[in-house]
Amino acid sequence: MSDQILIDLIKDNKKLICSIINKYTNYYEFDDLYQVSVIGIIKAYQNFDNSYNVKFTTYAYKYILSEVINFINNSKLIKVSRDYQKIYKKILE
């Protein structure tokens, strides 16, 4: 995988990256989220297969979002189990 292909891929999908991470920029640094999103783009590129008849952006969306969510979950100061998070969401309803 050449560096120029990755650079072009990142430039072409900058709008997608920004649309995903804008939701979280109030709480986390834009640069950190952007770097994590680029890792998601690279992973999506490595696993993408044209035979699925899906656009790359559609395929890459889940990779970018999952990298961002993993970053957010790993950077929390207080770790809360998913069971407690589910209970909290039920209480709020």
PDB file of N, CA and C in Angstrom:
ATOM      1  N   MET A   1       0.862  -1.167   0.000  1.00  0.00           N
ATOM      2  CA  MET A   1       0.000   0.000   0.000  1.00  0.00           C
ATOM      3  C   MET A   1       0.907   1.229   0.000  1.00  0.00           C
ATOM      4  N   SER A   2       0.749   2.060  -1.013  1.00  0.00           N
ATOM      5  CA  SER A   2       1.646   3.207  -1.122  1.00  0.00           C
ATOM      6  C   SER A   2       1.136   4.379  -0.285  1.00  0.00           C
ATOM      7  N   ASP A   3       2.073   5.226   0.071  1.00  0.00           N
ATOM      8  CA  ASP A   3       1.738   6.389   0.900  1.00  0.00           C
ATOM      9  C   ASP A   3       0.832   7.360   0.149  1.00  0.00           C
ATOM     10  N   GLN A   4       1.061   7.519  -1.147  1.00  0.00           N
ATOM     11  CA  GLN A   4       0.266   8.469  -1.926  1.00  0.00           C
ATOM     12  C   GLN A   4      -1.192   8.027  -2.016  1.00  0.00           C
ATOM     13  N   ILE A   5      -1.424   6.743  -2.117  1.00  0.00           N
ATOM     14  CA  ILE A   5      -2.800   6.237  -2.158  1.00  0.00           C
ATOM     15  C   ILE A   5      -3.511   6.544  -0.843  1.00  0.00           C
ATOM     16  N   LEU A   6      -2.805   6.339   0.267  1.00  0.00           N
ATOM     17  CA  LEU A   6      -3.406   6.633   1.574  1.00  0.00           C
ATOM     18  C   LEU A   6      -3.668   8.126   1.750  1.00  0.00           C
ATOM     19  N   ILE A   7      -2.739   8.943   1.307  1.00  0.00           N
ATOM     20  CA  ILE A   7      -2.927  10.391   1.420  1.00  0.00           C
ATOM     21  C   ILE A   7      -4.142  10.831   0.620  1.00  0.00           C
ATOM     22  N   ASP A   8      -4.263  10.332  -0.607  1.00  0.00           N
ATOM     23  CA  ASP A   8      -5.416  10.680  -1.436  1.00  0.00           C
ATOM     24  C   ASP A   8      -6.715  10.164  -0.826  1.00  0.00           C
ATOM     25  N   LEU A   9      -6.664   8.966  -0.274  1.00  0.00           N
ATOM     26  CA  LEU A   9      -7.843   8.375   0.353  1.00  0.00           C
ATOM     27  C   LEU A   9      -8.311   9.219   1.543  1.00  0.00           C
ATOM     28  N   ILE A  10      -7.378   9.666   2.345  1.00  0.00           N
ATOM     29  CA  ILE A  10      -7.711  10.490   3.511  1.00  0.00           C
ATOM     30  C   ILE A  10      -8.258  11.843   3.067  1.00  0.00           C
ATOM     31  N   LYS A  11      -7.631  12.448   2.062  1.00  0.00           N
ATOM     32  CA  LYS A  11      -8.114  13.742   1.554  1.00  0.00           C
ATOM     33  C   LYS A  11      -9.514  13.617   0.977  1.00  0.00           C
ATOM     34  N   ASP A  12      -9.754  12.550   0.224  1.00  0.00           N
ATOM     35  CA  ASP A  12     -11.061  12.354  -0.408  1.00  0.00           C
ATOM     36  C   ASP A  12     -12.172  12.113   0.606  1.00  0.00           C
ATOM     37  N   ASN A  13     -11.830  11.562   1.762  1.00  0.00           N
ATOM     38  CA  ASN A  13     -12.837  11.226   2.774  1.00  0.00           C
ATOM     39  C   ASN A  13     -12.815  12.156   3.978  1.00  0.00           C
ATOM     40  N   LYS A  14     -12.194  13.304   3.831  1.00  0.00           N
ATOM     41  CA  LYS A  14     -12.110  14.252   4.946  1.00  0.00           C
ATOM     42  C   LYS A  14     -13.496  14.724   5.391  1.00  0.00           C
ATOM     43  N   LYS A  15     -14.381  14.933   4.438  1.00  0.00           N
ATOM     44  CA  LYS A  15     -15.732  15.381   4.767  1.00  0.00           C
ATOM     45  C   LYS A  15     -16.473  14.325   5.592  1.00  0.00           C
ATOM     46  N   LEU A  16     -16.310  13.056   5.235  1.00  0.00           N
ATOM     47  CA  LEU A  16     -16.918  11.968   5.993  1.00  0.00           C
ATOM     48  C   LEU A  16     -16.362  11.917   7.410  1.00  0.00           C
ATOM     49  N   ILE A  17     -15.056  12.033   7.529  1.00  0.00           N
ATOM     50  CA  ILE A  17     -14.407  12.009   8.841  1.00  0.00           C
ATOM     51  C   ILE A  17     -14.934  13.145   9.710  1.00  0.00           C
ATOM     52  N   CYS A  18     -14.965  14.335   9.143  1.00  0.00           N
ATOM     53  CA  CYS A  18     -15.420  15.502   9.913  1.00  0.00           C
ATOM     54  C   CYS A  18     -16.877  15.371  10.325  1.00  0.00           C
ATOM     55  N   SER A  19     -17.707  14.806   9.454  1.00  0.00           N
ATOM     56  CA  SER A  19     -19.117  14.660   9.815  1.00  0.00           C
ATOM     57  C   SER A  19     -19.306  13.682  10.969  1.00  0.00           C
ATOM     58  N   ILE A  20     -18.434  12.699  11.063  1.00  0.00           N
ATOM     59  CA  ILE A  20     -18.533  11.728  12.158  1.00  0.00           C
ATOM     60  C   ILE A  20     -18.014  12.320  13.459  1.00  0.00           C
ATOM     61  N   ILE A  21     -16.880  13.008  13.414  1.00  0.00           N
ATOM     62  CA  ILE A  21     -16.250  13.451  14.662  1.00  0.00           C
ATOM     63  C   ILE A  21     -16.777  14.779  15.173  1.00  0.00           C
ATOM     64  N   ASN A  22     -17.532  15.525  14.368  1.00  0.00           N
ATOM     65  CA  ASN A  22     -18.067  16.805  14.841  1.00  0.00           C
ATOM     66  C   ASN A  22     -18.970  16.643  16.057  1.00  0.00           C
ATOM     67  N   LYS A  23     -19.599  15.501  16.173  1.00  0.00           N
ATOM     68  CA  LYS A  23     -20.484  15.227  17.298  1.00  0.00           C
ATOM     69  C   LYS A  23     -19.725  15.191  18.631  1.00  0.00           C
ATOM     70  N   TYR A  24     -18.444  14.863  18.571  1.00  0.00           N
ATOM     71  CA  TYR A  24     -17.659  14.649  19.789  1.00  0.00           C
ATOM     72  C   TYR A  24     -16.631  15.754  20.066  1.00  0.00           C
ATOM     73  N   THR A  25     -16.546  16.758  19.212  1.00  0.00           N
ATOM     74  CA  THR A  25     -15.504  17.779  19.360  1.00  0.00           C
ATOM     75  C   THR A  25     -15.727  18.687  20.562  1.00  0.00           C
ATOM     76  N   ASN A  26     -16.914  18.700  21.132  1.00  0.00           N
ATOM     77  CA  ASN A  26     -17.130  19.509  22.334  1.00  0.00           C
ATOM     78  C   ASN A  26     -16.437  18.899  23.544  1.00  0.00           C
ATOM     79  N   TYR A  27     -16.194  17.602  23.490  1.00  0.00           N
ATOM     80  CA  TYR A  27     -15.654  16.898  24.642  1.00  0.00           C
ATOM     81  C   TYR A  27     -14.219  16.430  24.447  1.00  0.00           C
ATOM     82  N   TYR A  28     -13.800  16.275  23.200  1.00  0.00           N
ATOM     83  CA  TYR A  28     -12.456  15.768  22.892  1.00  0.00           C
ATOM     84  C   TYR A  28     -11.811  16.653  21.835  1.00  0.00           C
ATOM     85  N   GLU A  29     -10.497  16.634  21.788  1.00  0.00           N
ATOM     86  CA  GLU A  29      -9.760  17.446  20.827  1.00  0.00           C
ATOM     87  C   GLU A  29     -10.014  16.954  19.405  1.00  0.00           C
ATOM     88  N   PHE A  30     -10.204  17.897  18.494  1.00  0.00           N
ATOM     89  CA  PHE A  30     -10.449  17.564  17.095  1.00  0.00           C
ATOM     90  C   PHE A  30      -9.292  16.765  16.508  1.00  0.00           C
ATOM     91  N   ASP A  31      -8.067  17.177  16.814  1.00  0.00           N
ATOM     92  CA  ASP A  31      -6.892  16.499  16.248  1.00  0.00           C
ATOM     93  C   ASP A  31      -6.807  15.041  16.690  1.00  0.00           C
ATOM     94  N   ASP A  32      -7.110  14.773  17.946  1.00  0.00           N
ATOM     95  CA  ASP A  32      -7.084  13.396  18.448  1.00  0.00           C
ATOM     96  C   ASP A  32      -8.135  12.543  17.736  1.00  0.00           C
ATOM     97  N   LEU A  33      -9.333  13.090  17.628  1.00  0.00           N
ATOM     98  CA  LEU A  33     -10.405  12.362  16.956  1.00  0.00           C
ATOM     99  C   LEU A  33     -10.093  12.145  15.481  1.00  0.00           C
ATOM    100  N   TYR A  34      -9.479  13.143  14.860  1.00  0.00           N
ATOM    101  CA  TYR A  34      -9.128  13.027  13.445  1.00  0.00           C
ATOM    102  C   TYR A  34      -8.086  11.931  13.229  1.00  0.00           C
ATOM    103  N   GLN A  35      -7.097  11.873  14.089  1.00  0.00           N
ATOM    104  CA  GLN A  35      -6.059  10.843  13.966  1.00  0.00           C
ATOM    105  C   GLN A  35      -6.649   9.447  14.144  1.00  0.00           C
ATOM    106  N   VAL A  36      -7.543   9.306  15.089  1.00  0.00           N
ATOM    107  CA  VAL A  36      -8.189   8.017  15.316  1.00  0.00           C
ATOM    108  C   VAL A  36      -9.053   7.651  14.106  1.00  0.00           C
ATOM    109  N   SER A  37      -9.706   8.640  13.512  1.00  0.00           N
ATOM    110  CA  SER A  37     -10.533   8.400  12.331  1.00  0.00           C
ATOM    111  C   SER A  37      -9.699   7.963  11.141  1.00  0.00           C
ATOM    112  N   VAL A  38      -8.518   8.520  11.009  1.00  0.00           N
ATOM    113  CA  VAL A  38      -7.625   8.118   9.922  1.00  0.00           C
ATOM    114  C   VAL A  38      -7.222   6.649  10.084  1.00  0.00           C
ATOM    115  N   ILE A  39      -7.026   6.214  11.306  1.00  0.00           N
ATOM    116  CA  ILE A  39      -6.737   4.795  11.552  1.00  0.00           C
ATOM    117  C   ILE A  39      -7.921   3.946  11.079  1.00  0.00           C
ATOM    118  N   GLY A  40      -9.131   4.428  11.330  1.00  0.00           N
ATOM    119  CA  GLY A  40     -10.322   3.714  10.863  1.00  0.00           C
ATOM    120  C   GLY A  40     -10.389   3.649   9.347  1.00  0.00           C
ATOM    121  N   ILE A  41     -10.021   4.730   8.670  1.00  0.00           N
ATOM    122  CA  ILE A  41      -9.994   4.745   7.197  1.00  0.00           C
ATOM    123  C   ILE A  41      -8.989   3.728   6.678  1.00  0.00           C
ATOM    124  N   ILE A  42      -7.830   3.675   7.306  1.00  0.00           N
ATOM    125  CA  ILE A  42      -6.790   2.737   6.868  1.00  0.00           C
ATOM    126  C   ILE A  42      -7.253   1.291   7.054  1.00  0.00           C
ATOM    127  N   LYS A  43      -7.875   1.013   8.188  1.00  0.00           N
ATOM    128  CA  LYS A  43      -8.386  -0.345   8.426  1.00  0.00           C
ATOM    129  C   LYS A  43      -9.475  -0.702   7.414  1.00  0.00           C
ATOM    130  N   ALA A  44     -10.340   0.254   7.114  1.00  0.00           N
ATOM    131  CA  ALA A  44     -11.399   0.011   6.136  1.00  0.00           C
ATOM    132  C   ALA A  44     -10.802  -0.252   4.757  1.00  0.00           C
ATOM    133  N   TYR A  45      -9.774   0.491   4.384  1.00  0.00           N
ATOM    134  CA  TYR A  45      -9.120   0.307   3.097  1.00  0.00           C
ATOM    135  C   TYR A  45      -8.475  -1.074   2.999  1.00  0.00           C
ATOM    136  N   GLN A  46      -7.879  -1.519   4.084  1.00  0.00           N
ATOM    137  CA  GLN A  46      -7.219  -2.822   4.082  1.00  0.00           C
ATOM    138  C   GLN A  46      -8.220  -3.973   3.967  1.00  0.00           C
ATOM    139  N   ASN A  47      -9.417  -3.791   4.486  1.00  0.00           N
ATOM    140  CA  ASN A  47     -10.415  -4.865   4.493  1.00  0.00           C
ATOM    141  C   ASN A  47     -11.470  -4.740   3.401  1.00  0.00           C
ATOM    142  N   PHE A  48     -11.433  -3.667   2.622  1.00  0.00           N
ATOM    143  CA  PHE A  48     -12.474  -3.404   1.622  1.00  0.00           C
ATOM    144  C   PHE A  48     -12.353  -4.363   0.452  1.00  0.00           C
ATOM    145  N   ASP A  49     -13.506  -4.827  -0.016  1.00  0.00           N
ATOM    146  CA  ASP A  49     -13.571  -5.719  -1.170  1.00  0.00           C
ATOM    147  C   ASP A  49     -14.617  -5.173  -2.138  1.00  0.00           C
ATOM    148  N   ASN A  50     -14.220  -4.899  -3.371  1.00  0.00           N
ATOM    149  CA  ASN A  50     -15.134  -4.324  -4.365  1.00  0.00           C
ATOM    150  C   ASN A  50     -16.262  -5.267  -4.757  1.00  0.00           C
ATOM    151  N   SER A  51     -16.116  -6.533  -4.504  1.00  0.00           N
ATOM    152  CA  SER A  51     -17.141  -7.494  -4.921  1.00  0.00           C
ATOM    153  C   SER A  51     -18.438  -7.364  -4.118  1.00  0.00           C
ATOM    154  N   TYR A  52     -18.424  -6.603  -3.033  1.00  0.00           N
ATOM    155  CA  TYR A  52     -19.634  -6.427  -2.225  1.00  0.00           C
ATOM    156  C   TYR A  52     -20.625  -5.439  -2.834  1.00  0.00           C
ATOM    157  N   ASN A  53     -20.215  -4.725  -3.877  1.00  0.00           N
ATOM    158  CA  ASN A  53     -21.062  -3.713  -4.521  1.00  0.00           C
ATOM    159  C   ASN A  53     -21.534  -2.649  -3.529  1.00  0.00           C
ATOM    160  N   VAL A  54     -20.620  -2.179  -2.707  1.00  0.00           N
ATOM    161  CA  VAL A  54     -20.898  -1.143  -1.715  1.00  0.00           C
ATOM    162  C   VAL A  54     -19.887  -0.025  -1.922  1.00  0.00           C
ATOM    163  N   LYS A  55     -20.334   1.206  -1.739  1.00  0.00           N
ATOM    164  CA  LYS A  55     -19.403   2.333  -1.823  1.00  0.00           C
ATOM    165  C   LYS A  55     -18.403   2.255  -0.669  1.00  0.00           C
ATOM    166  N   PHE A  56     -17.217   2.755  -0.928  1.00  0.00           N
ATOM    167  CA  PHE A  56     -16.195   2.716   0.114  1.00  0.00           C
ATOM    168  C   PHE A  56     -16.612   3.541   1.326  1.00  0.00           C
ATOM    169  N   THR A  57     -17.243   4.684   1.101  1.00  0.00           N
ATOM    170  CA  THR A  57     -17.629   5.541   2.229  1.00  0.00           C
ATOM    171  C   THR A  57     -18.636   4.842   3.144  1.00  0.00           C
ATOM    172  N   THR A  58     -19.549   4.095   2.545  1.00  0.00           N
ATOM    173  CA  THR A  58     -20.515   3.344   3.343  1.00  0.00           C
ATOM    174  C   THR A  58     -19.811   2.284   4.175  1.00  0.00           C
ATOM    175  N   TYR A  59     -18.852   1.632   3.563  1.00  0.00           N
ATOM    176  CA  TYR A  59     -18.091   0.587   4.249  1.00  0.00           C
ATOM    177  C   TYR A  59     -17.195   1.184   5.332  1.00  0.00           C
ATOM    178  N   ALA A  60     -16.578   2.320   5.039  1.00  0.00           N
ATOM    179  CA  ALA A  60     -15.621   2.924   5.960  1.00  0.00           C
ATOM    180  C   ALA A  60     -16.295   3.568   7.167  1.00  0.00           C
ATOM    181  N   TYR A  61     -17.552   3.942   7.024  1.00  0.00           N
ATOM    182  CA  TYR A  61     -18.261   4.635   8.103  1.00  0.00           C
ATOM    183  C   TYR A  61     -18.190   3.858   9.410  1.00  0.00           C
ATOM    184  N   LYS A  62     -18.472   2.572   9.355  1.00  0.00           N
ATOM    185  CA  LYS A  62     -18.491   1.788  10.600  1.00  0.00           C
ATOM    186  C   LYS A  62     -17.095   1.646  11.194  1.00  0.00           C
ATOM    187  N   TYR A  63     -16.074   1.582  10.352  1.00  0.00           N
ATOM    188  CA  TYR A  63     -14.702   1.494  10.858  1.00  0.00           C
ATOM    189  C   TYR A  63     -14.299   2.792  11.554  1.00  0.00           C
ATOM    190  N   ILE A  64     -14.627   3.907  10.950  1.00  0.00           N
ATOM    191  CA  ILE A  64     -14.283   5.207  11.535  1.00  0.00           C
ATOM    192  C   ILE A  64     -15.013   5.389  12.859  1.00  0.00           C
ATOM    193  N   LEU A  65     -16.316   5.142  12.842  1.00  0.00           N
ATOM    194  CA  LEU A  65     -17.118   5.322  14.051  1.00  0.00           C
ATOM    195  C   LEU A  65     -16.667   4.400  15.170  1.00  0.00           C
ATOM    196  N   SER A  66     -16.340   3.167  14.842  1.00  0.00           N
ATOM    197  CA  SER A  66     -15.910   2.245  15.895  1.00  0.00           C
ATOM    198  C   SER A  66     -14.562   2.654  16.479  1.00  0.00           C
ATOM    199  N   GLU A  67     -13.668   3.179  15.664  1.00  0.00           N
ATOM    200  CA  GLU A  67     -12.387   3.660  16.192  1.00  0.00           C
ATOM    201  C   GLU A  67     -12.599   4.864  17.113  1.00  0.00           C
ATOM    202  N   VAL A  68     -13.489   5.758  16.731  1.00  0.00           N
ATOM    203  CA  VAL A  68     -13.776   6.934  17.558  1.00  0.00           C
ATOM    204  C   VAL A  68     -14.403   6.508  18.884  1.00  0.00           C
ATOM    205  N   ILE A  69     -15.356   5.604  18.834  1.00  0.00           N
ATOM    206  CA  ILE A  69     -16.017   5.146  20.061  1.00  0.00           C
ATOM    207  C   ILE A  69     -15.030   4.407  20.960  1.00  0.00           C
ATOM    208  N   ASN A  70     -14.167   3.588  20.373  1.00  0.00           N
ATOM    209  CA  ASN A  70     -13.148   2.904  21.175  1.00  0.00           C
ATOM    210  C   ASN A  70     -12.209   3.905  21.840  1.00  0.00           C
ATOM    211  N   PHE A  71     -11.836   4.941  21.110  1.00  0.00           N
ATOM    212  CA  PHE A  71     -10.975   5.981  21.676  1.00  0.00           C
ATOM    213  C   PHE A  71     -11.664   6.666  22.856  1.00  0.00           C
ATOM    214  N   ILE A  72     -12.922   6.992  22.683  1.00  0.00           N
ATOM    215  CA  ILE A  72     -13.676   7.673  23.739  1.00  0.00           C
ATOM    216  C   ILE A  72     -13.809   6.770  24.966  1.00  0.00           C
ATOM    217  N   ASN A  73     -14.134   5.519  24.747  1.00  0.00           N
ATOM    218  CA  ASN A  73     -14.289   4.597  25.870  1.00  0.00           C
ATOM    219  C   ASN A  73     -12.975   4.357  26.598  1.00  0.00           C
ATOM    220  N   ASN A  74     -11.880   4.314  25.876  1.00  0.00           N
ATOM    221  CA  ASN A  74     -10.580   4.077  26.501  1.00  0.00           C
ATOM    222  C   ASN A  74     -10.006   5.313  27.173  1.00  0.00           C
ATOM    223  N   SER A  75     -10.491   6.491  26.810  1.00  0.00           N
ATOM    224  CA  SER A  75      -9.926   7.710  27.381  1.00  0.00           C
ATOM    225  C   SER A  75     -10.727   8.239  28.574  1.00  0.00           C
ATOM    226  N   LYS A  76     -11.788   7.566  28.943  1.00  0.00           N
ATOM    227  CA  LYS A  76     -12.577   8.004  30.097  1.00  0.00           C
ATOM    228  C   LYS A  76     -11.771   7.814  31.373  1.00  0.00           C
ATOM    229  N   LEU A  77     -11.906   8.752  32.274  1.00  0.00           N
ATOM    230  CA  LEU A  77     -11.195   8.663  33.544  1.00  0.00           C
ATOM    231  C   LEU A  77     -11.809   7.619  34.460  1.00  0.00           C
ATOM    232  N   ILE A  78     -13.121   7.506  34.391  1.00  0.00           N
ATOM    233  CA  ILE A  78     -13.819   6.540  35.224  1.00  0.00           C
ATOM    234  C   ILE A  78     -14.416   5.481  34.305  1.00  0.00           C
ATOM    235  N   LYS A  79     -14.080   4.232  34.556  1.00  0.00           N
ATOM    236  CA  LYS A  79     -14.596   3.134  33.749  1.00  0.00           C
ATOM    237  C   LYS A  79     -15.897   2.637  34.369  1.00  0.00           C
ATOM    238  N   VAL A  80     -16.943   2.592  33.566  1.00  0.00           N
ATOM    239  CA  VAL A  80     -18.246   2.121  34.011  1.00  0.00           C
ATOM    240  C   VAL A  80     -18.626   0.927  33.144  1.00  0.00           C
ATOM    241  N   SER A  81     -19.046  -0.144  33.782  1.00  0.00           N
ATOM    242  CA  SER A  81     -19.386  -1.343  33.012  1.00  0.00           C
ATOM    243  C   SER A  81     -20.621  -1.089  32.149  1.00  0.00           C
ATOM    244  N   ARG A  82     -20.754  -1.886  31.116  1.00  0.00           N
ATOM    245  CA  ARG A  82     -21.891  -1.729  30.207  1.00  0.00           C
ATOM    246  C   ARG A  82     -23.207  -2.040  30.899  1.00  0.00           C
ATOM    247  N   ASP A  83     -23.189  -2.940  31.859  1.00  0.00           N
ATOM    248  CA  ASP A  83     -24.417  -3.248  32.598  1.00  0.00           C
ATOM    249  C   ASP A  83     -24.923  -2.019  33.342  1.00  0.00           C
ATOM    250  N   TYR A  84     -24.023  -1.307  33.977  1.00  0.00           N
ATOM    251  CA  TYR A  84     -24.415  -0.084  34.683  1.00  0.00           C
ATOM    252  C   TYR A  84     -24.867   1.002  33.711  1.00  0.00           C
ATOM    253  N   GLN A  85     -24.270   1.066  32.559  1.00  0.00           N
ATOM    254  CA  GLN A  85     -24.686   2.042  31.556  1.00  0.00           C
ATOM    255  C   GLN A  85     -26.099   1.738  31.069  1.00  0.00           C
ATOM    256  N   LYS A  86     -26.414   0.457  30.881  1.00  0.00           N
ATOM    257  CA  LYS A  86     -27.760   0.065  30.456  1.00  0.00           C
ATOM    258  C   LYS A  86     -28.790   0.430  31.512  1.00  0.00           C
ATOM    259  N   ILE A  87     -28.461   0.171  32.769  1.00  0.00           N
ATOM    260  CA  ILE A  87     -29.368   0.511  33.866  1.00  0.00           C
ATOM    261  C   ILE A  87     -29.589   2.021  33.923  1.00  0.00           C
ATOM    262  N   TYR A  88     -28.512   2.777  33.743  1.00  0.00           N
ATOM    263  CA  TYR A  88     -28.614   4.240  33.774  1.00  0.00           C
ATOM    264  C   TYR A  88     -29.520   4.741  32.655  1.00  0.00           C
ATOM    265  N   LYS A  89     -29.410   4.166  31.472  1.00  0.00           N
ATOM    266  CA  LYS A  89     -30.253   4.576  30.348  1.00  0.00           C
ATOM    267  C   LYS A  89     -31.719   4.256  30.615  1.00  0.00           C
ATOM    268  N   LYS A  90     -31.984   3.121  31.267  1.00  0.00           N
ATOM    269  CA  LYS A  90     -33.354   2.770  31.610  1.00  0.00           C
ATOM    270  C   LYS A  90     -33.939   3.731  32.633  1.00  0.00           C
ATOM    271  N   ILE A  91     -33.111   4.170  33.578  1.00  0.00           N
ATOM    272  CA  ILE A  91     -33.556   5.128  34.578  1.00  0.00           C
ATOM    273  C   ILE A  91     -33.921   6.455  33.929  1.00  0.00           C
ATOM    274  N   LEU A  92     -33.148   6.870  32.945  1.00  0.00           N
ATOM    275  CA  LEU A  92     -33.407   8.147  32.283  1.00  0.00           C
ATOM    276  C   LEU A  92     -34.665   8.134  31.430  1.00  0.00           C
ATOM    277  N   GLU A  93     -35.103   6.953  31.001  1.00  0.00           N
ATOM    278  CA  GLU A  93     -36.297   6.875  30.173  1.00  0.00           C
ATOM    279  C   GLU A  93     -37.506   7.120  30.944  1.00  0.00           C
TER     280      GLU A  93
END
